[in-house]
Amino acid sequence: METKFVIDAAGTPKKVILDYDDYVKIAEQLNLSLVPTSTVKERNPLDWYSLTESANSILNGLMALASREGMLESEKLNPDQQRITELDALRKDAIEQINTNDNFLSLEKMEAIIDKYSPILLAEKKKLRISTSPL
């Protein structure tokens, strides 16, 4: 039986990792349920890097798009004030998310950012294609 101990900073064992087949044998001997109380998703070691880059890229793209489009709208002869306000709020939200360090402390938080803001960025890009396409 191969086991691994997870220790804290002081070196005190906190958890044990063992093969599932070994766990099943132990659980059967102790009459324990084989239904897990929780599961942990196995991660690729590059997940941290790719999620950090993706979340930053989406937020920076949203901030840049909102800034540029807000400026272009304000330069029109009859600017749409509601659109300018929406773009300004979008820009401020993206900046706030980028500056919130807690957003980049876990894979789950970065996934949540990607899930929330990538559709917003895509929708804003689609608005540009519609508004700039020739008639």
N, C-alpha and C. Protein backbone atom coordinates (compact mmCIF):
# COMPACT_ATOMS: atom_id res chain seq x y z
N MET A 1 0.85 -1.17 0.00
CA MET A 1 0.00 0.00 0.00
C MET A 1 0.89 1.23 0.00
N GLU A 2 0.66 2.09 -1.01
CA GLU A 2 1.41 3.34 -1.10
C GLU A 2 0.59 4.46 -0.49
N THR A 3 1.17 5.16 0.48
CA THR A 3 0.46 6.29 1.10
C THR A 3 1.36 7.52 1.07
N LYS A 4 0.71 8.66 1.05
CA LYS A 4 1.41 9.94 1.11
C LYS A 4 0.78 10.74 2.22
N PHE A 5 1.61 11.43 2.98
CA PHE A 5 1.11 12.27 4.06
C PHE A 5 1.17 13.73 3.63
N VAL A 6 0.10 14.47 3.88
CA VAL A 6 0.06 15.90 3.66
C VAL A 6 0.31 16.54 5.01
N ILE A 7 1.37 17.36 5.07
CA ILE A 7 1.76 17.95 6.35
C ILE A 7 1.57 19.46 6.32
N ASP A 8 1.44 20.06 7.52
CA ASP A 8 1.35 21.51 7.60
C ASP A 8 2.75 22.11 7.68
N ALA A 9 2.85 23.41 7.87
CA ALA A 9 4.14 24.10 7.90
C ALA A 9 5.05 23.60 9.02
N ALA A 10 4.45 23.11 10.11
CA ALA A 10 5.23 22.62 11.24
C ALA A 10 5.66 21.17 11.05
N GLY A 11 5.19 20.55 9.97
CA GLY A 11 5.56 19.16 9.72
C GLY A 11 4.60 18.15 10.32
N THR A 12 3.47 18.61 10.85
CA THR A 12 2.48 17.73 11.45
C THR A 12 1.59 17.15 10.35
N PRO A 13 1.46 15.82 10.30
CA PRO A 13 0.58 15.21 9.29
C PRO A 13 -0.86 15.67 9.48
N LYS A 14 -1.51 16.07 8.38
CA LYS A 14 -2.89 16.54 8.41
C LYS A 14 -3.83 15.65 7.59
N LYS A 15 -3.32 15.02 6.54
CA LYS A 15 -4.13 14.15 5.68
C LYS A 15 -3.26 13.02 5.16
N VAL A 16 -3.94 11.99 4.70
CA VAL A 16 -3.26 10.85 4.10
C VAL A 16 -3.85 10.63 2.72
N ILE A 17 -2.98 10.43 1.74
CA ILE A 17 -3.41 10.12 0.38
C ILE A 17 -3.02 8.68 0.11
N LEU A 18 -4.01 7.88 -0.30
CA LEU A 18 -3.73 6.50 -0.63
C LEU A 18 -4.52 6.09 -1.86
N ASP A 19 -4.12 5.00 -2.49
CA ASP A 19 -4.81 4.52 -3.68
C ASP A 19 -6.24 4.13 -3.34
N TYR A 20 -7.13 4.30 -4.31
CA TYR A 20 -8.54 4.02 -4.09
C TYR A 20 -8.77 2.56 -3.73
N ASP A 21 -8.08 1.65 -4.41
CA ASP A 21 -8.26 0.21 -4.11
C ASP A 21 -7.92 -0.08 -2.65
N ASP A 22 -6.87 0.54 -2.14
CA ASP A 22 -6.51 0.35 -0.73
C ASP A 22 -7.58 0.94 0.18
N TYR A 23 -8.13 2.09 -0.21
CA TYR A 23 -9.20 2.70 0.58
C TYR A 23 -10.42 1.78 0.64
N VAL A 24 -10.78 1.18 -0.49
CA VAL A 24 -11.94 0.28 -0.53
C VAL A 24 -11.75 -0.89 0.43
N LYS A 25 -10.56 -1.46 0.45
CA LYS A 25 -10.28 -2.58 1.37
C LYS A 25 -10.44 -2.15 2.82
N ILE A 26 -9.88 -1.00 3.15
CA ILE A 26 -9.96 -0.50 4.53
C ILE A 26 -11.41 -0.18 4.89
N ALA A 27 -12.13 0.49 3.98
CA ALA A 27 -13.52 0.86 4.23
C ALA A 27 -14.39 -0.37 4.45
N GLU A 28 -14.17 -1.41 3.67
CA GLU A 28 -14.95 -2.64 3.83
C GLU A 28 -14.68 -3.29 5.18
N GLN A 29 -13.44 -3.28 5.61
CA GLN A 29 -13.08 -3.88 6.91
C GLN A 29 -13.69 -3.08 8.06
N LEU A 30 -13.82 -1.77 7.89
CA LEU A 30 -14.36 -0.93 8.96
C LEU A 30 -15.85 -0.63 8.78
N ASN A 31 -16.46 -1.24 7.78
CA ASN A 31 -17.88 -1.01 7.48
C ASN A 31 -18.18 0.47 7.23
N LEU A 32 -17.30 1.15 6.50
CA LEU A 32 -17.50 2.55 6.15
C LEU A 32 -18.19 2.65 4.79
N SER A 33 -18.92 3.71 4.60
CA SER A 33 -19.59 3.94 3.32
C SER A 33 -18.56 4.25 2.25
N LEU A 34 -18.83 3.77 1.05
CA LEU A 34 -17.94 4.07 -0.07
C LEU A 34 -18.41 5.29 -0.86
N VAL A 35 -19.47 5.92 -0.38
CA VAL A 35 -19.96 7.14 -1.00
C VAL A 35 -19.13 8.31 -0.45
N PRO A 36 -18.47 9.05 -1.33
CA PRO A 36 -17.62 10.16 -0.84
C PRO A 36 -18.46 11.30 -0.25
N THR A 37 -17.92 11.91 0.79
CA THR A 37 -18.58 13.08 1.37
C THR A 37 -18.29 14.32 0.54
N SER A 38 -17.17 14.32 -0.18
CA SER A 38 -16.83 15.40 -1.10
C SER A 38 -15.82 14.85 -2.10
N THR A 39 -15.70 15.54 -3.21
CA THR A 39 -14.72 15.14 -4.22
C THR A 39 -13.82 16.32 -4.53
N VAL A 40 -12.64 16.02 -5.02
CA VAL A 40 -11.68 17.04 -5.41
C VAL A 40 -11.31 16.80 -6.86
N LYS A 41 -11.45 17.83 -7.68
CA LYS A 41 -11.12 17.73 -9.09
C LYS A 41 -9.61 17.73 -9.26
N GLU A 42 -9.10 16.71 -9.96
CA GLU A 42 -7.67 16.66 -10.22
C GLU A 42 -7.31 17.73 -11.23
N ARG A 43 -6.26 18.46 -10.98
CA ARG A 43 -5.89 19.59 -11.82
C ARG A 43 -4.59 19.34 -12.56
N ASN A 44 -4.51 19.93 -13.72
CA ASN A 44 -3.29 19.94 -14.49
C ASN A 44 -2.37 20.99 -13.86
N PRO A 45 -1.08 20.73 -13.75
CA PRO A 45 -0.18 21.72 -13.15
C PRO A 45 -0.16 23.06 -13.88
N LEU A 46 -0.56 23.09 -15.15
CA LEU A 46 -0.57 24.35 -15.90
C LEU A 46 -1.87 25.12 -15.75
N ASP A 47 -2.85 24.58 -15.02
CA ASP A 47 -4.14 25.25 -14.84
C ASP A 47 -3.96 26.64 -14.24
N TRP A 48 -3.11 26.76 -13.24
CA TRP A 48 -2.92 28.05 -12.57
C TRP A 48 -2.46 29.11 -13.58
N TYR A 49 -1.46 28.74 -14.36
CA TYR A 49 -0.93 29.67 -15.36
C TYR A 49 -1.99 30.03 -16.39
N SER A 50 -2.64 29.04 -16.97
CA SER A 50 -3.60 29.32 -18.04
C SER A 50 -4.81 30.10 -17.53
N LEU A 51 -5.30 29.79 -16.33
CA LEU A 51 -6.44 30.53 -15.79
C LEU A 51 -6.07 31.96 -15.43
N THR A 52 -4.88 32.16 -14.89
CA THR A 52 -4.42 33.52 -14.57
C THR A 52 -4.33 34.35 -15.85
N GLU A 53 -3.72 33.78 -16.88
CA GLU A 53 -3.58 34.48 -18.15
C GLU A 53 -4.93 34.75 -18.79
N SER A 54 -5.81 33.78 -18.75
CA SER A 54 -7.14 33.95 -19.36
C SER A 54 -7.95 35.02 -18.64
N ALA A 55 -7.99 34.94 -17.31
CA ALA A 55 -8.76 35.92 -16.54
C ALA A 55 -8.21 37.33 -16.76
N ASN A 56 -6.89 37.49 -16.73
CA ASN A 56 -6.28 38.80 -16.97
C ASN A 56 -6.57 39.30 -18.38
N SER A 57 -6.47 38.42 -19.35
CA SER A 57 -6.70 38.80 -20.74
C SER A 57 -8.14 39.28 -20.94
N ILE A 58 -9.08 38.55 -20.39
CA ILE A 58 -10.49 38.92 -20.53
C ILE A 58 -10.77 40.25 -19.86
N LEU A 59 -10.29 40.42 -18.64
CA LEU A 59 -10.55 41.68 -17.92
C LEU A 59 -9.85 42.86 -18.58
N ASN A 60 -8.62 42.67 -19.03
CA ASN A 60 -7.91 43.76 -19.71
C ASN A 60 -8.56 44.08 -21.05
N GLY A 61 -9.04 43.05 -21.75
CA GLY A 61 -9.73 43.27 -23.01
C GLY A 61 -11.02 44.05 -22.81
N LEU A 62 -11.73 43.71 -21.75
CA LEU A 62 -12.98 44.40 -21.44
C LEU A 62 -12.71 45.86 -21.06
N MET A 63 -11.68 46.07 -20.28
CA MET A 63 -11.32 47.43 -19.87
C MET A 63 -10.91 48.26 -21.09
N ALA A 64 -10.10 47.70 -21.97
CA ALA A 64 -9.65 48.43 -23.16
C ALA A 64 -10.81 48.72 -24.10
N LEU A 65 -11.65 47.73 -24.31
CA LEU A 65 -12.80 47.92 -25.21
C LEU A 65 -13.73 49.00 -24.67
N ALA A 66 -14.04 48.93 -23.39
CA ALA A 66 -14.95 49.92 -22.79
C ALA A 66 -14.33 51.31 -22.84
N SER A 67 -13.04 51.42 -22.60
CA SER A 67 -12.37 52.74 -22.65
C SER A 67 -12.41 53.31 -24.06
N ARG A 68 -12.00 52.50 -25.01
CA ARG A 68 -11.95 52.96 -26.40
C ARG A 68 -13.34 53.33 -26.92
N GLU A 69 -14.30 52.45 -26.71
CA GLU A 69 -15.65 52.70 -27.24
C GLU A 69 -16.32 53.87 -26.53
N GLY A 70 -16.05 54.04 -25.25
CA GLY A 70 -16.58 55.19 -24.52
C GLY A 70 -16.04 56.50 -25.07
N MET A 71 -14.74 56.49 -25.36
CA MET A 71 -14.12 57.68 -25.93
C MET A 71 -14.69 57.97 -27.32
N LEU A 72 -14.80 56.95 -28.15
CA LEU A 72 -15.34 57.14 -29.50
C LEU A 72 -16.79 57.63 -29.46
N GLU A 73 -17.57 57.09 -28.54
CA GLU A 73 -18.97 57.52 -28.41
C GLU A 73 -19.04 58.97 -27.97
N SER A 74 -18.18 59.37 -27.04
CA SER A 74 -18.22 60.75 -26.54
C SER A 74 -17.79 61.77 -27.59
N GLU A 75 -17.05 61.33 -28.61
CA GLU A 75 -16.60 62.24 -29.66
C GLU A 75 -17.63 62.43 -30.76
N LYS A 76 -18.72 61.67 -30.74
CA LYS A 76 -19.76 61.81 -31.76
C LYS A 76 -20.50 63.13 -31.57
N LEU A 77 -21.15 63.59 -32.65
CA LEU A 77 -21.92 64.83 -32.58
C LEU A 77 -23.07 64.71 -31.59
N ASN A 78 -23.73 63.57 -31.59
CA ASN A 78 -24.84 63.31 -30.65
C ASN A 78 -24.53 62.03 -29.87
N PRO A 79 -23.65 62.14 -28.88
CA PRO A 79 -23.26 60.93 -28.14
C PRO A 79 -24.44 60.34 -27.36
N ASP A 80 -24.44 59.02 -27.30
CA ASP A 80 -25.45 58.29 -26.52
C ASP A 80 -24.96 58.24 -25.07
N GLN A 81 -25.51 59.10 -24.22
CA GLN A 81 -25.05 59.20 -22.83
C GLN A 81 -25.27 57.90 -22.06
N GLN A 82 -26.35 57.20 -22.38
CA GLN A 82 -26.62 55.93 -21.69
C GLN A 82 -25.52 54.91 -22.03
N ARG A 83 -25.12 54.86 -23.31
CA ARG A 83 -24.05 53.95 -23.73
C ARG A 83 -22.74 54.32 -23.06
N ILE A 84 -22.45 55.60 -22.97
CA ILE A 84 -21.22 56.05 -22.31
C ILE A 84 -21.23 55.64 -20.84
N THR A 85 -22.36 55.80 -20.19
CA THR A 85 -22.49 55.41 -18.78
C THR A 85 -22.29 53.91 -18.61
N GLU A 86 -22.89 53.11 -19.51
CA GLU A 86 -22.74 51.65 -19.46
C GLU A 86 -21.28 51.25 -19.64
N LEU A 87 -20.63 51.85 -20.62
CA LEU A 87 -19.22 51.52 -20.89
C LEU A 87 -18.32 51.94 -19.74
N ASP A 88 -18.61 53.08 -19.13
CA ASP A 88 -17.82 53.54 -17.99
C ASP A 88 -17.98 52.58 -16.81
N ALA A 89 -19.21 52.12 -16.58
CA ALA A 89 -19.44 51.16 -15.49
C ALA A 89 -18.72 49.84 -15.78
N LEU A 90 -18.73 49.41 -17.03
CA LEU A 90 -18.06 48.18 -17.42
C LEU A 90 -16.55 48.30 -17.22
N ARG A 91 -16.00 49.44 -17.62
CA ARG A 91 -14.56 49.70 -17.45
C ARG A 91 -14.18 49.69 -15.98
N LYS A 92 -14.97 50.39 -15.15
CA LYS A 92 -14.68 50.45 -13.71
C LYS A 92 -14.77 49.07 -13.07
N ASP A 93 -15.75 48.28 -13.49
CA ASP A 93 -15.90 46.92 -12.94
C ASP A 93 -14.69 46.06 -13.30
N ALA A 94 -14.24 46.14 -14.56
CA ALA A 94 -13.07 45.37 -14.98
C ALA A 94 -11.83 45.78 -14.20
N ILE A 95 -11.65 47.09 -14.01
CA ILE A 95 -10.49 47.58 -13.24
C ILE A 95 -10.56 47.07 -11.80
N GLU A 96 -11.74 47.13 -11.21
CA GLU A 96 -11.91 46.64 -9.84
C GLU A 96 -11.57 45.16 -9.73
N GLN A 97 -12.01 44.37 -10.70
CA GLN A 97 -11.72 42.93 -10.68
C GLN A 97 -10.23 42.66 -10.83
N ILE A 98 -9.57 43.42 -11.70
CA ILE A 98 -8.12 43.26 -11.89
C ILE A 98 -7.38 43.62 -10.61
N ASN A 99 -7.81 44.67 -9.93
CA ASN A 99 -7.13 45.15 -8.73
C ASN A 99 -7.48 44.38 -7.47
N THR A 100 -8.43 43.48 -7.53
CA THR A 100 -8.80 42.67 -6.37
C THR A 100 -7.94 41.41 -6.36
N ASN A 101 -6.90 41.43 -5.55
CA ASN A 101 -5.95 40.31 -5.52
C ASN A 101 -6.61 38.98 -5.16
N ASP A 102 -7.65 39.00 -4.35
CA ASP A 102 -8.32 37.76 -3.96
C ASP A 102 -8.86 37.01 -5.17
N ASN A 103 -9.15 37.70 -6.26
CA ASN A 103 -9.67 37.05 -7.46
C ASN A 103 -8.68 36.08 -8.08
N PHE A 104 -7.41 36.23 -7.73
CA PHE A 104 -6.37 35.41 -8.35
C PHE A 104 -5.70 34.46 -7.36
N LEU A 105 -6.39 34.21 -6.24
CA LEU A 105 -5.83 33.33 -5.21
C LEU A 105 -6.25 31.87 -5.35
N SER A 106 -7.28 31.62 -6.15
CA SER A 106 -7.71 30.23 -6.32
C SER A 106 -8.16 29.99 -7.75
N LEU A 107 -8.06 28.74 -8.16
CA LEU A 107 -8.49 28.37 -9.51
C LEU A 107 -9.98 28.60 -9.68
N GLU A 108 -10.74 28.32 -8.63
CA GLU A 108 -12.19 28.47 -8.69
C GLU A 108 -12.60 29.93 -8.91
N LYS A 109 -11.91 30.86 -8.24
CA LYS A 109 -12.25 32.27 -8.41
C LYS A 109 -11.91 32.75 -9.82
N MET A 110 -10.79 32.28 -10.34
CA MET A 110 -10.42 32.67 -11.70
C MET A 110 -11.38 32.06 -12.71
N GLU A 111 -11.82 30.84 -12.48
CA GLU A 111 -12.82 30.23 -13.37
C GLU A 111 -14.12 31.02 -13.32
N ALA A 112 -14.49 31.48 -12.14
CA ALA A 112 -15.72 32.28 -12.00
C ALA A 112 -15.61 33.59 -12.78
N ILE A 113 -14.45 34.22 -12.73
CA ILE A 113 -14.22 35.46 -13.48
C ILE A 113 -14.36 35.18 -14.98
N ILE A 114 -13.73 34.12 -15.43
CA ILE A 114 -13.79 33.77 -16.86
C ILE A 114 -15.23 33.47 -17.27
N ASP A 115 -15.93 32.70 -16.44
CA ASP A 115 -17.33 32.36 -16.75
C ASP A 115 -18.22 33.59 -16.79
N LYS A 116 -17.96 34.55 -15.92
CA LYS A 116 -18.81 35.74 -15.86
C LYS A 116 -18.48 36.76 -16.94
N TYR A 117 -17.19 37.04 -17.13
CA TYR A 117 -16.81 38.17 -17.97
C TYR A 117 -16.53 37.82 -19.44
N SER A 118 -16.22 36.58 -19.76
CA SER A 118 -15.98 36.26 -21.18
C SER A 118 -17.24 36.43 -22.02
N PRO A 119 -18.44 36.03 -21.53
CA PRO A 119 -19.64 36.31 -22.34
C PRO A 119 -19.92 37.81 -22.49
N ILE A 120 -19.59 38.58 -21.47
CA ILE A 120 -19.79 40.04 -21.55
C ILE A 120 -18.87 40.63 -22.62
N LEU A 121 -17.61 40.20 -22.62
CA LEU A 121 -16.66 40.69 -23.62
C LEU A 121 -17.11 40.28 -25.01
N LEU A 122 -17.55 39.05 -25.17
CA LEU A 122 -18.02 38.58 -26.47
C LEU A 122 -19.24 39.38 -26.93
N ALA A 123 -20.16 39.63 -26.03
CA ALA A 123 -21.36 40.41 -26.38
C ALA A 123 -20.98 41.83 -26.80
N GLU A 124 -20.04 42.43 -26.11
CA GLU A 124 -19.61 43.80 -26.47
C GLU A 124 -18.93 43.80 -27.84
N LYS A 125 -18.15 42.77 -28.12
CA LYS A 125 -17.51 42.68 -29.43
C LYS A 125 -18.55 42.51 -30.53
N LYS A 126 -19.58 41.73 -30.25
CA LYS A 126 -20.64 41.54 -31.24
C LYS A 126 -21.38 42.85 -31.52
N LYS A 127 -21.57 43.66 -30.49
CA LYS A 127 -22.22 44.97 -30.68
C LYS A 127 -21.38 45.81 -31.65
N LEU A 128 -20.08 45.72 -31.56
CA LEU A 128 -19.22 46.51 -32.43
C LEU A 128 -19.32 46.04 -33.87
N ARG A 129 -19.39 44.74 -34.07
CA ARG A 129 -19.51 44.20 -35.43
C ARG A 129 -20.82 44.65 -36.07
N ILE A 130 -21.89 44.65 -35.27
CA ILE A 130 -23.19 45.05 -35.79
C ILE A 130 -23.19 46.54 -36.11
N SER A 131 -22.63 47.32 -35.21
CA SER A 131 -22.69 48.78 -35.40
C SER A 131 -21.71 49.27 -36.46
N THR A 132 -20.66 48.51 -36.78
CA THR A 132 -19.67 48.96 -37.75
C THR A 132 -19.82 48.25 -39.09
N SER A 133 -20.73 47.28 -39.17
CA SER A 133 -20.89 46.57 -40.45
C SER A 133 -21.58 47.47 -41.47
N PRO A 134 -21.15 47.36 -42.75
CA PRO A 134 -21.76 48.21 -43.77
C PRO A 134 -23.20 47.78 -44.05
N LEU A 135 -24.03 48.72 -44.45
CA LEU A 135 -25.43 48.45 -44.74
C LEU A 135 -25.62 47.78 -46.04
